[in-house]
Amino acid sequence: MRLGVLDVGSNTVHLLVVDAHPGARPLPAHSHKVELRLAQLLDEDGAIGPDGVDRLAAVVSQALQAAEDKGVEDLLPFATSAVREASNADDVLARVRAETGVELTVLTGAEEARLTFLAARRWFGWSAGRLLVLDIGGGSLEIAYGIDEEPDAAVSLPLGAGRLTAARLPDDPPHPDDVRSLRRHVRTEIARTVGEFSRLGAPDHVVATSKTFRQLARIAGAARSAEGLYVQRELKRASLEAWVPRLAAMTSTERAELPGVSEGRAHQLLAGALVAEAAMDLFHVENLEICPWALREGVILRRLDHMGPV
């Protein structure tokens, strides 16, 4: 069957269309993506303003039309931290439902972490052993660890690259004092969770998902996306540590000129790098592998599991 997953994230609204059936890997058929940056549209009360709601409803309507055009049989729409944490989340969901007919399921942070972990487990298989999975989104950082398909520990922290940039790095290029303050904040938040994972033992394999990690790996020398999904891509902590001060000294325009960095995400790359560096350091990770599958694939895989064999 042809499935569509509609991901209303903190940075983008992304429709991924796949051809899939139980027992087979989902084959991408179409991708429709719009940068909305919901995490940056929150007002001082933490609400998504009228303009943001208008834009969200319009983008969801466009994605729904794209899904129809591509023959999607079953649409799986969900929202993550930007909608989840908005003070007017219920009103936003009701407005989208009334204008588009789409009922967005709001995932909890723990659900995001578990579904992303499922995707990574399926991608790397049982031979990967105990997995530690890191994912930096626009609004949150997810960390999950386990040896099965359901993680033994999973947490979500409000350390998304978009959120931190909007709240703590107002200047371009950022002021050194703001960078130091953000670095302290990120490390304090992550350090609070380390003990929960350390008691479970050292992972056999550490992997990372998300656009932020892919871009950081690319500027550190990993293969281009054009070389395909199955090329192994890694990020070494030493390389990342060398890049952080360079990114801090750049403007967004200069970062956008780096290999693999999109113009729309260049402004938040430094915040993402600080989170990635802190996570790798505090979890004693010298090297991690980039996983092509993430939350959207996890949602699809869970849906297929519930369908059962045909």
C-alpha atoms as a PDB file:
ATOM      1  CA  MET A   1       0.000   0.000   0.000  1.00  0.00           C
ATOM      2  CA  ARG A   2       1.047   3.614  -0.379  1.00  0.00           C
ATOM      3  CA  LEU A   3       1.432   5.332   3.003  1.00  0.00           C
ATOM      4  CA  GLY A   4       1.968   8.984   3.754  1.00  0.00           C
ATOM      5  CA  VAL A   5       3.429  10.350   6.974  1.00  0.00           C
ATOM      6  CA  LEU A   6       2.834  14.053   7.667  1.00  0.00           C
ATOM      7  CA  ASP A   7       5.345  15.387  10.169  1.00  0.00           C
ATOM      8  CA  VAL A   8       4.534  18.827  11.610  1.00  0.00           C
ATOM      9  CA  GLY A   9       7.876  19.568  13.199  1.00  0.00           C
ATOM     10  CA  SER A  10       9.473  22.587  14.801  1.00  0.00           C
ATOM     11  CA  ASN A  11      11.326  23.506  11.598  1.00  0.00           C
ATOM     12  CA  THR A  12       9.395  21.958   8.732  1.00  0.00           C
ATOM     13  CA  VAL A  13       6.142  20.365   7.706  1.00  0.00           C
ATOM     14  CA  HIS A  14       7.225  17.265   5.807  1.00  0.00           C
ATOM     15  CA  LEU A  15       5.088  14.812   3.892  1.00  0.00           C
ATOM     16  CA  LEU A  16       6.904  11.552   3.141  1.00  0.00           C
ATOM     17  CA  VAL A  17       5.159   9.103   0.830  1.00  0.00           C
ATOM     18  CA  VAL A  18       6.333   5.487   0.799  1.00  0.00           C
ATOM     19  CA  ASP A  19       5.316   2.212  -0.799  1.00  0.00           C
ATOM     20  CA  ALA A  20       5.239  -0.401   1.917  1.00  0.00           C
ATOM     21  CA  HIS A  21       3.808  -3.615   3.222  1.00  0.00           C
ATOM     22  CA  PRO A  22       4.479  -5.629   6.403  1.00  0.00           C
ATOM     23  CA  GLY A  23       7.827  -7.397   6.318  1.00  0.00           C
ATOM     24  CA  ALA A  24       9.357  -5.135   3.668  1.00  0.00           C
ATOM     25  CA  ARG A  25      11.358  -1.944   3.978  1.00  0.00           C
ATOM     26  CA  PRO A  26       9.427   1.220   3.070  1.00  0.00           C
ATOM     27  CA  LEU A  27      10.413   2.551  -0.350  1.00  0.00           C
ATOM     28  CA  PRO A  28      10.339   6.370  -0.613  1.00  0.00           C
ATOM     29  CA  ALA A  29       8.072   7.532  -3.429  1.00  0.00           C
ATOM     30  CA  HIS A  30       7.659  11.267  -2.854  1.00  0.00           C
ATOM     31  CA  SER A  31       8.712  14.024  -0.465  1.00  0.00           C
ATOM     32  CA  HIS A  32       6.946  17.364   0.035  1.00  0.00           C
ATOM     33  CA  LYS A  33       8.602  19.755   2.480  1.00  0.00           C
ATOM     34  CA  VAL A  34       7.892  23.331   3.586  1.00  0.00           C
ATOM     35  CA  GLU A  35      10.015  25.255   6.089  1.00  0.00           C
ATOM     36  CA  LEU A  36       7.601  26.795   8.575  1.00  0.00           C
ATOM     37  CA  ARG A  37       9.805  27.253  11.690  1.00  0.00           C
ATOM     38  CA  LEU A  38       6.931  26.934  14.130  1.00  0.00           C
ATOM     39  CA  ALA A  39       9.330  26.983  17.073  1.00  0.00           C
ATOM     40  CA  GLN A  40      10.217  30.559  16.154  1.00  0.00           C
ATOM     41  CA  LEU A  41       6.605  31.690  15.734  1.00  0.00           C
ATOM     42  CA  LEU A  42       5.723  31.433  19.421  1.00  0.00           C
ATOM     43  CA  ASP A  43       4.778  34.684  21.120  1.00  0.00           C
ATOM     44  CA  GLU A  44       5.906  35.760  24.589  1.00  0.00           C
ATOM     45  CA  ASP A  45       3.103  33.694  26.138  1.00  0.00           C
ATOM     46  CA  GLY A  46       4.264  30.547  24.339  1.00  0.00           C
ATOM     47  CA  ALA A  47       1.351  30.545  21.881  1.00  0.00           C
ATOM     48  CA  ILE A  48       1.479  30.126  18.122  1.00  0.00           C
ATOM     49  CA  GLY A  49       0.171  33.436  16.823  1.00  0.00           C
ATOM     50  CA  PRO A  50      -2.683  33.903  14.319  1.00  0.00           C
ATOM     51  CA  ASP A  51      -0.288  34.248  11.399  1.00  0.00           C
ATOM     52  CA  GLY A  52       1.495  31.048  12.372  1.00  0.00           C
ATOM     53  CA  VAL A  53      -1.777  29.140  12.661  1.00  0.00           C
ATOM     54  CA  ASP A  54      -2.900  30.469   9.268  1.00  0.00           C
ATOM     55  CA  ARG A  55       0.353  29.353   7.686  1.00  0.00           C
ATOM     56  CA  LEU A  56       0.231  25.942   9.367  1.00  0.00           C
ATOM     57  CA  ALA A  57      -3.312  25.277   8.167  1.00  0.00           C
ATOM     58  CA  ALA A  58      -2.382  26.337   4.636  1.00  0.00           C
ATOM     59  CA  VAL A  59       0.724  24.130   4.565  1.00  0.00           C
ATOM     60  CA  VAL A  60      -1.162  21.118   5.921  1.00  0.00           C
ATOM     61  CA  SER A  61      -3.802  21.669   3.242  1.00  0.00           C
ATOM     62  CA  GLN A  62      -1.075  21.713   0.560  1.00  0.00           C
ATOM     63  CA  ALA A  63       0.449  18.518   1.940  1.00  0.00           C
ATOM     64  CA  LEU A  64      -2.965  16.864   1.976  1.00  0.00           C
ATOM     65  CA  GLN A  65      -3.424  17.738  -1.698  1.00  0.00           C
ATOM     66  CA  ALA A  66       0.038  16.377  -2.484  1.00  0.00           C
ATOM     67  CA  ALA A  67      -0.811  13.127  -0.695  1.00  0.00           C
ATOM     68  CA  GLU A  68      -4.022  12.830  -2.705  1.00  0.00           C
ATOM     69  CA  ASP A  69      -2.165  13.536  -5.952  1.00  0.00           C
ATOM     70  CA  LYS A  70       0.316  10.756  -5.170  1.00  0.00           C
ATOM     71  CA  GLY A  71      -2.393   8.202  -4.401  1.00  0.00           C
ATOM     72  CA  VAL A  72      -1.764   7.892  -0.657  1.00  0.00           C
ATOM     73  CA  GLU A  73      -4.087   5.283   0.822  1.00  0.00           C
ATOM     74  CA  ASP A  74      -3.410   5.942   4.490  1.00  0.00           C
ATOM     75  CA  LEU A  75      -2.118   9.240   5.926  1.00  0.00           C
ATOM     76  CA  LEU A  76      -0.382   9.293   9.324  1.00  0.00           C
ATOM     77  CA  PRO A  77      -0.305  12.928  10.528  1.00  0.00           C
ATOM     78  CA  PHE A  78       1.519  13.913  13.700  1.00  0.00           C
ATOM     79  CA  ALA A  79       3.033  16.950  15.420  1.00  0.00           C
ATOM     80  CA  THR A  80       6.046  17.238  17.696  1.00  0.00           C
ATOM     81  CA  SER A  81       7.457  19.694  20.224  1.00  0.00           C
ATOM     82  CA  ALA A  82       6.468  23.064  18.688  1.00  0.00           C
ATOM     83  CA  VAL A  83       2.749  22.197  18.742  1.00  0.00           C
ATOM     84  CA  ARG A  84       3.025  20.010  21.839  1.00  0.00           C
ATOM     85  CA  GLU A  85       4.423  22.833  23.941  1.00  0.00           C
ATOM     86  CA  ALA A  86       2.402  25.710  22.519  1.00  0.00           C
ATOM     87  CA  SER A  87       0.118  27.212  25.166  1.00  0.00           C
ATOM     88  CA  ASN A  88      -2.729  27.241  22.625  1.00  0.00           C
ATOM     89  CA  ALA A  89      -2.081  23.740  21.276  1.00  0.00           C
ATOM     90  CA  ASP A  90      -5.720  22.650  21.562  1.00  0.00           C
ATOM     91  CA  ASP A  91      -6.905  25.670  19.580  1.00  0.00           C
ATOM     92  CA  VAL A  92      -4.240  25.102  16.918  1.00  0.00           C
ATOM     93  CA  LEU A  93      -5.214  21.452  16.507  1.00  0.00           C
ATOM     94  CA  ALA A  94      -8.901  22.344  16.332  1.00  0.00           C
ATOM     95  CA  ARG A  95      -8.251  24.990  13.687  1.00  0.00           C
ATOM     96  CA  VAL A  96      -6.217  22.591  11.527  1.00  0.00           C
ATOM     97  CA  ARG A  97      -8.902  19.927  11.887  1.00  0.00           C
ATOM     98  CA  ALA A  98     -11.697  22.343  10.992  1.00  0.00           C
ATOM     99  CA  GLU A  99      -9.935  23.768   7.922  1.00  0.00           C
ATOM    100  CA  THR A 100      -8.271  20.635   6.532  1.00  0.00           C
ATOM    101  CA  GLY A 101      -9.991  17.640   8.091  1.00  0.00           C
ATOM    102  CA  VAL A 102      -6.577  16.433   9.302  1.00  0.00           C
ATOM    103  CA  GLU A 103      -6.451  15.185  12.896  1.00  0.00           C
ATOM    104  CA  LEU A 104      -2.882  15.732  14.049  1.00  0.00           C
ATOM    105  CA  THR A 105      -1.662  13.287  16.679  1.00  0.00           C
ATOM    106  CA  VAL A 106       0.621  15.082  19.114  1.00  0.00           C
ATOM    107  CA  LEU A 107       3.523  12.836  20.078  1.00  0.00           C
ATOM    108  CA  THR A 108       5.070  13.106  23.511  1.00  0.00           C
ATOM    109  CA  GLY A 109       8.818  13.560  23.731  1.00  0.00           C
ATOM    110  CA  ALA A 110       9.197  10.008  24.984  1.00  0.00           C
ATOM    111  CA  GLU A 111       7.179   8.711  22.031  1.00  0.00           C
ATOM    112  CA  GLU A 112       9.436  10.634  19.653  1.00  0.00           C
ATOM    113  CA  ALA A 113      12.485   9.027  21.252  1.00  0.00           C
ATOM    114  CA  ARG A 114      10.983   5.513  21.155  1.00  0.00           C
ATOM    115  CA  LEU A 115       9.866   5.725  17.530  1.00  0.00           C
ATOM    116  CA  THR A 116      13.204   7.151  16.417  1.00  0.00           C
ATOM    117  CA  PHE A 117      14.924   4.328  18.296  1.00  0.00           C
ATOM    118  CA  LEU A 118      12.721   1.771  16.516  1.00  0.00           C
ATOM    119  CA  ALA A 119      13.747   3.198  13.145  1.00  0.00           C
ATOM    120  CA  ALA A 120      17.442   3.043  14.049  1.00  0.00           C
ATOM    121  CA  ARG A 121      17.124  -0.506  15.366  1.00  0.00           C
ATOM    122  CA  ARG A 122      15.456  -1.691  12.173  1.00  0.00           C
ATOM    123  CA  TRP A 123      18.075   0.072  10.049  1.00  0.00           C
ATOM    124  CA  PHE A 124      21.118  -1.377  11.845  1.00  0.00           C
ATOM    125  CA  GLY A 125      19.602  -4.699  12.935  1.00  0.00           C
ATOM    126  CA  TRP A 126      20.208  -6.885  15.949  1.00  0.00           C
ATOM    127  CA  SER A 127      23.930  -7.189  15.269  1.00  0.00           C
ATOM    128  CA  ALA A 128      24.358  -3.569  16.399  1.00  0.00           C
ATOM    129  CA  GLY A 129      23.830  -4.734  19.979  1.00  0.00           C
ATOM    130  CA  ARG A 130      23.067  -2.096  22.573  1.00  0.00           C
ATOM    131  CA  LEU A 131      22.183   1.108  20.736  1.00  0.00           C
ATOM    132  CA  LEU A 132      22.467   4.685  21.928  1.00  0.00           C
ATOM    133  CA  VAL A 133      20.444   6.942  19.612  1.00  0.00           C
ATOM    134  CA  LEU A 134      20.694  10.750  19.541  1.00  0.00           C
ATOM    135  CA  ASP A 135      18.336  13.007  17.605  1.00  0.00           C
ATOM    136  CA  ILE A 136      18.446  16.822  17.494  1.00  0.00           C
ATOM    137  CA  GLY A 137      15.276  18.392  16.147  1.00  0.00           C
ATOM    138  CA  GLY A 138      14.169  21.979  15.914  1.00  0.00           C
ATOM    139  CA  GLY A 139      12.516  21.934  19.316  1.00  0.00           C
ATOM    140  CA  SER A 140      14.003  19.063  21.285  1.00  0.00           C
ATOM    141  CA  LEU A 141      16.818  16.570  21.759  1.00  0.00           C
ATOM    142  CA  GLU A 142      15.840  12.904  22.024  1.00  0.00           C
ATOM    143  CA  ILE A 143      18.087  10.283  23.601  1.00  0.00           C
ATOM    144  CA  ALA A 144      17.254   6.570  23.694  1.00  0.00           C
ATOM    145  CA  TYR A 145      19.159   3.423  24.665  1.00  0.00           C
ATOM    146  CA  GLY A 146      18.400  -0.272  24.512  1.00  0.00           C
ATOM    147  CA  ILE A 147      19.104  -3.730  23.166  1.00  0.00           C
ATOM    148  CA  ASP A 148      15.611  -4.530  21.862  1.00  0.00           C
ATOM    149  CA  GLU A 149      13.192  -2.610  19.634  1.00  0.00           C
ATOM    150  CA  GLU A 150      11.728  -0.838  22.646  1.00  0.00           C
ATOM    151  CA  PRO A 151      14.395   1.243  24.406  1.00  0.00           C
ATOM    152  CA  ASP A 152      15.267   0.657  28.046  1.00  0.00           C
ATOM    153  CA  ALA A 153      15.601   4.420  28.567  1.00  0.00           C
ATOM    154  CA  ALA A 154      14.246   7.309  26.507  1.00  0.00           C
ATOM    155  CA  VAL A 155      14.188  11.026  27.262  1.00  0.00           C
ATOM    156  CA  SER A 156      13.328  14.235  25.462  1.00  0.00           C
ATOM    157  CA  LEU A 157      14.979  17.527  26.421  1.00  0.00           C
ATOM    158  CA  PRO A 158      14.020  21.070  25.287  1.00  0.00           C
ATOM    159  CA  LEU A 159      17.326  21.459  23.462  1.00  0.00           C
ATOM    160  CA  GLY A 160      16.277  21.726  19.828  1.00  0.00           C
ATOM    161  CA  ALA A 161      18.510  23.741  17.513  1.00  0.00           C
ATOM    162  CA  GLY A 162      15.754  26.127  16.428  1.00  0.00           C
ATOM    163  CA  ARG A 163      14.426  26.705  19.929  1.00  0.00           C
ATOM    164  CA  LEU A 164      17.868  27.459  21.384  1.00  0.00           C
ATOM    165  CA  THR A 165      18.831  29.766  18.530  1.00  0.00           C
ATOM    166  CA  ALA A 166      15.663  31.834  18.841  1.00  0.00           C
ATOM    167  CA  ALA A 167      15.895  32.070  22.629  1.00  0.00           C
ATOM    168  CA  ARG A 168      19.627  32.411  23.257  1.00  0.00           C
ATOM    169  CA  LEU A 169      21.542  33.443  20.123  1.00  0.00           C
ATOM    170  CA  PRO A 170      19.914  36.694  18.940  1.00  0.00           C
ATOM    171  CA  ASP A 171      22.944  38.123  17.111  1.00  0.00           C
ATOM    172  CA  ASP A 172      24.493  37.116  13.793  1.00  0.00           C
ATOM    173  CA  PRO A 173      27.296  36.260  14.262  1.00  0.00           C
ATOM    174  CA  PRO A 174      26.526  35.341  17.875  1.00  0.00           C
ATOM    175  CA  HIS A 175      28.131  37.197  20.758  1.00  0.00           C
ATOM    176  CA  PRO A 176      30.797  35.067  22.505  1.00  0.00           C
ATOM    177  CA  ASP A 177      29.105  35.562  25.884  1.00  0.00           C
ATOM    178  CA  ASP A 178      25.847  34.162  24.482  1.00  0.00           C
ATOM    179  CA  VAL A 179      27.695  31.169  23.047  1.00  0.00           C
ATOM    180  CA  ARG A 180      29.338  30.422  26.406  1.00  0.00           C
ATOM    181  CA  SER A 181      26.027  30.814  28.223  1.00  0.00           C
ATOM    182  CA  LEU A 182      24.284  28.470  25.813  1.00  0.00           C
ATOM    183  CA  ARG A 183      27.099  25.938  26.112  1.00  0.00           C
ATOM    184  CA  ARG A 184      26.726  25.904  29.924  1.00  0.00           C
ATOM    185  CA  HIS A 185      22.948  25.583  29.693  1.00  0.00           C
ATOM    186  CA  VAL A 186      23.061  22.682  27.230  1.00  0.00           C
ATOM    187  CA  ARG A 187      25.629  20.759  29.236  1.00  0.00           C
ATOM    188  CA  THR A 188      23.737  21.231  32.490  1.00  0.00           C
ATOM    189  CA  GLU A 189      20.514  19.903  30.958  1.00  0.00           C
ATOM    190  CA  ILE A 190      22.140  16.864  29.346  1.00  0.00           C
ATOM    191  CA  ALA A 191      24.250  16.037  32.420  1.00  0.00           C
ATOM    192  CA  ARG A 192      21.070  15.558  34.461  1.00  0.00           C
ATOM    193  CA  THR A 193      20.132  12.568  32.297  1.00  0.00           C
ATOM    194  CA  VAL A 194      23.504  10.844  31.956  1.00  0.00           C
ATOM    195  CA  GLY A 195      23.139   8.753  35.106  1.00  0.00           C
ATOM    196  CA  GLU A 196      19.889   7.227  33.893  1.00  0.00           C
ATOM    197  CA  PHE A 197      21.720   5.834  30.873  1.00  0.00           C
ATOM    198  CA  SER A 198      25.110   5.072  32.437  1.00  0.00           C
ATOM    199  CA  ARG A 199      23.631   2.524  34.821  1.00  0.00           C
ATOM    200  CA  LEU A 200      22.557   0.447  31.801  1.00  0.00           C
ATOM    201  CA  GLY A 201      26.127  -0.061  30.616  1.00  0.00           C
ATOM    202  CA  ALA A 202      28.158   1.162  27.683  1.00  0.00           C
ATOM    203  CA  PRO A 203      26.467   1.012  24.249  1.00  0.00           C
ATOM    204  CA  ASP A 204      27.869  -1.210  21.511  1.00  0.00           C
ATOM    205  CA  HIS A 205      26.953   1.264  18.796  1.00  0.00           C
ATOM    206  CA  VAL A 206      26.104   4.973  18.902  1.00  0.00           C
ATOM    207  CA  VAL A 207      24.036   6.471  16.100  1.00  0.00           C
ATOM    208  CA  ALA A 208      22.490   9.842  15.366  1.00  0.00           C
ATOM    209  CA  THR A 209      19.585  10.916  13.208  1.00  0.00           C
ATOM    210  CA  SER A 210      18.242  14.299  12.063  1.00  0.00           C
ATOM    211  CA  LYS A 211      19.233  16.994   9.615  1.00  0.00           C
ATOM    212  CA  THR A 212      21.461  18.692  12.177  1.00  0.00           C
ATOM    213  CA  PHE A 213      23.688  15.652  12.662  1.00  0.00           C
ATOM    214  CA  ARG A 214      23.775  14.979   8.913  1.00  0.00           C
ATOM    215  CA  GLN A 215      24.936  18.529   8.222  1.00  0.00           C
ATOM    216  CA  LEU A 216      27.577  18.390  10.950  1.00  0.00           C
ATOM    217  CA  ALA A 217      28.877  15.094   9.597  1.00  0.00           C
ATOM    218  CA  ARG A 218      28.965  16.522   6.075  1.00  0.00           C
ATOM    219  CA  ILE A 219      31.020  19.602   6.970  1.00  0.00           C
ATOM    220  CA  ALA A 220      33.352  17.285   8.905  1.00  0.00           C
ATOM    221  CA  GLY A 221      33.992  15.283   5.741  1.00  0.00           C
ATOM    222  CA  ALA A 222      31.208  12.687   5.429  1.00  0.00           C
ATOM    223  CA  ALA A 223      29.903  11.637   2.020  1.00  0.00           C
ATOM    224  CA  ARG A 224      27.348  13.788   0.203  1.00  0.00           C
ATOM    225  CA  SER A 225      23.681  12.780   0.303  1.00  0.00           C
ATOM    226  CA  ALA A 226      23.845  12.273  -3.468  1.00  0.00           C
ATOM    227  CA  GLU A 227      26.044   9.234  -2.883  1.00  0.00           C
ATOM    228  CA  GLY A 228      23.067   7.334  -1.486  1.00  0.00           C
ATOM    229  CA  LEU A 229      21.588   6.013   1.748  1.00  0.00           C
ATOM    230  CA  TYR A 230      23.889   3.028   2.105  1.00  0.00           C
ATOM    231  CA  VAL A 231      27.195   4.901   2.292  1.00  0.00           C
ATOM    232  CA  GLN A 232      28.455   4.845   5.860  1.00  0.00           C
ATOM    233  CA  ARG A 233      28.648   8.333   7.346  1.00  0.00           C
ATOM    234  CA  GLU A 234      30.328   9.076  10.649  1.00  0.00           C
ATOM    235  CA  LEU A 235      30.936  12.038  12.907  1.00  0.00           C
ATOM    236  CA  LYS A 236      34.000  12.108  15.147  1.00  0.00           C
ATOM    237  CA  ARG A 237      33.918  14.155  18.331  1.00  0.00           C
ATOM    238  CA  ALA A 238      37.394  15.543  17.649  1.00  0.00           C
ATOM    239  CA  SER A 239      36.236  16.886  14.280  1.00  0.00           C
ATOM    240  CA  LEU A 240      33.101  18.395  15.806  1.00  0.00           C
ATOM    241  CA  GLU A 241      35.080  20.069  18.596  1.00  0.00           C
ATOM    242  CA  ALA A 242      37.315  21.660  15.982  1.00  0.00           C
ATOM    243  CA  TRP A 243      34.314  22.969  14.037  1.00  0.00           C
ATOM    244  CA  VAL A 244      32.352  24.513  16.928  1.00  0.00           C
ATOM    245  CA  PRO A 245      34.545  27.633  17.361  1.00  0.00           C
ATOM    246  CA  ARG A 246      34.665  28.079  13.593  1.00  0.00           C
ATOM    247  CA  LEU A 247      30.870  27.974  13.371  1.00  0.00           C
ATOM    248  CA  ALA A 248      30.624  30.412  16.282  1.00  0.00           C
ATOM    249  CA  ALA A 249      32.724  32.932  14.378  1.00  0.00           C
ATOM    250  CA  MET A 250      30.638  32.701  11.195  1.00  0.00           C
ATOM    251  CA  THR A 251      27.502  34.518  10.114  1.00  0.00           C
ATOM    252  CA  SER A 252      24.501  32.505   8.932  1.00  0.00           C
ATOM    253  CA  THR A 253      25.363  33.465   5.363  1.00  0.00           C
ATOM    254  CA  GLU A 254      28.870  32.089   5.763  1.00  0.00           C
ATOM    255  CA  ARG A 255      27.588  28.849   7.294  1.00  0.00           C
ATOM    256  CA  ALA A 256      25.183  28.409   4.376  1.00  0.00           C
ATOM    257  CA  GLU A 257      28.206  28.250   2.071  1.00  0.00           C
ATOM    258  CA  LEU A 258      29.550  25.166   3.833  1.00  0.00           C
ATOM    259  CA  PRO A 259      29.055  21.803   2.103  1.00  0.00           C
ATOM    260  CA  GLY A 260      25.694  20.230   2.861  1.00  0.00           C
ATOM    261  CA  VAL A 261      24.344  23.171   4.895  1.00  0.00           C
ATOM    262  CA  SER A 262      21.007  24.540   3.707  1.00  0.00           C
ATOM    263  CA  GLU A 263      20.314  28.254   3.810  1.00  0.00           C
ATOM    264  CA  GLY A 264      17.167  27.699   5.859  1.00  0.00           C
ATOM    265  CA  ARG A 265      19.011  25.893   8.669  1.00  0.00           C
ATOM    266  CA  ALA A 266      22.352  27.684   8.631  1.00  0.00           C
ATOM    267  CA  HIS A 267      21.264  30.100  11.380  1.00  0.00           C
ATOM    268  CA  GLN A 268      20.661  27.256  13.852  1.00  0.00           C
ATOM    269  CA  LEU A 269      23.649  25.070  13.023  1.00  0.00           C
ATOM    270  CA  LEU A 270      25.806  26.458  15.834  1.00  0.00           C
ATOM    271  CA  ALA A 271      23.208  25.671  18.492  1.00  0.00           C
ATOM    272  CA  GLY A 272      22.852  22.181  17.039  1.00  0.00           C
ATOM    273  CA  ALA A 273      26.626  21.738  17.085  1.00  0.00           C
ATOM    274  CA  LEU A 274      26.812  22.771  20.749  1.00  0.00           C
ATOM    275  CA  VAL A 275      24.134  20.205  21.632  1.00  0.00           C
ATOM    276  CA  ALA A 276      25.832  17.474  19.583  1.00  0.00           C
ATOM    277  CA  GLU A 277      29.234  18.237  21.093  1.00  0.00           C
ATOM    278  CA  ALA A 278      27.844  18.224  24.633  1.00  0.00           C
ATOM    279  CA  ALA A 279      25.977  14.937  24.129  1.00  0.00           C
ATOM    280  CA  MET A 280      29.013  13.192  22.638  1.00  0.00           C
ATOM    281  CA  ASP A 281      31.282  14.500  25.387  1.00  0.00           C
ATOM    282  CA  LEU A 282      29.017  13.748  28.358  1.00  0.00           C
ATOM    283  CA  PHE A 283      28.145  10.271  27.060  1.00  0.00           C
ATOM    284  CA  HIS A 284      31.838   9.601  26.265  1.00  0.00           C
ATOM    285  CA  VAL A 285      31.184   9.086  22.559  1.00  0.00           C
ATOM    286  CA  GLU A 286      34.263   9.418  20.358  1.00  0.00           C
ATOM    287  CA  ASN A 287      32.564   8.462  17.111  1.00  0.00           C
ATOM    288  CA  LEU A 288      28.981   7.955  15.975  1.00  0.00           C
ATOM    289  CA  GLU A 289      27.295   6.770  12.797  1.00  0.00           C
ATOM    290  CA  ILE A 290      24.571   8.669  10.962  1.00  0.00           C
ATOM    291  CA  CYS A 291      21.312   6.740  10.559  1.00  0.00           C
ATOM    292  CA  PRO A 292      19.263   7.584   7.440  1.00  0.00           C
ATOM    293  CA  TRP A 293      16.015   6.593   9.153  1.00  0.00           C
ATOM    294  CA  ALA A 294      14.444   8.629  11.942  1.00  0.00           C
ATOM    295  CA  LEU A 295      11.068   9.556  13.424  1.00  0.00           C
ATOM    296  CA  ARG A 296       9.011   9.467  10.218  1.00  0.00           C
ATOM    297  CA  GLU A 297      10.254   6.003   9.373  1.00  0.00           C
ATOM    298  CA  GLY A 298       9.572   4.912  12.937  1.00  0.00           C
ATOM    299  CA  VAL A 299       5.948   6.024  12.611  1.00  0.00           C
ATOM    300  CA  ILE A 300       5.629   4.090   9.347  1.00  0.00           C
ATOM    301  CA  LEU A 301       7.234   0.945  10.777  1.00  0.00           C
ATOM    302  CA  ARG A 302       4.961   0.995  13.823  1.00  0.00           C
ATOM    303  CA  ARG A 303       1.926   1.341  11.534  1.00  0.00           C
ATOM    304  CA  LEU A 304       3.061  -1.622   9.439  1.00  0.00           C
ATOM    305  CA  ASP A 305       3.652  -3.701  12.573  1.00  0.00           C
ATOM    306  CA  HIS A 306       0.061  -3.101  13.639  1.00  0.00           C
ATOM    307  CA  MET A 307      -1.202  -4.209  10.235  1.00  0.00           C
ATOM    308  CA  GLY A 308       0.293  -7.680  10.623  1.00  0.00           C
ATOM    309  CA  PRO A 309       1.119 -10.087   7.782  1.00  0.00           C
ATOM    310  CA  VAL A 310      -0.873  -9.979   4.542  1.00  0.00           C
END
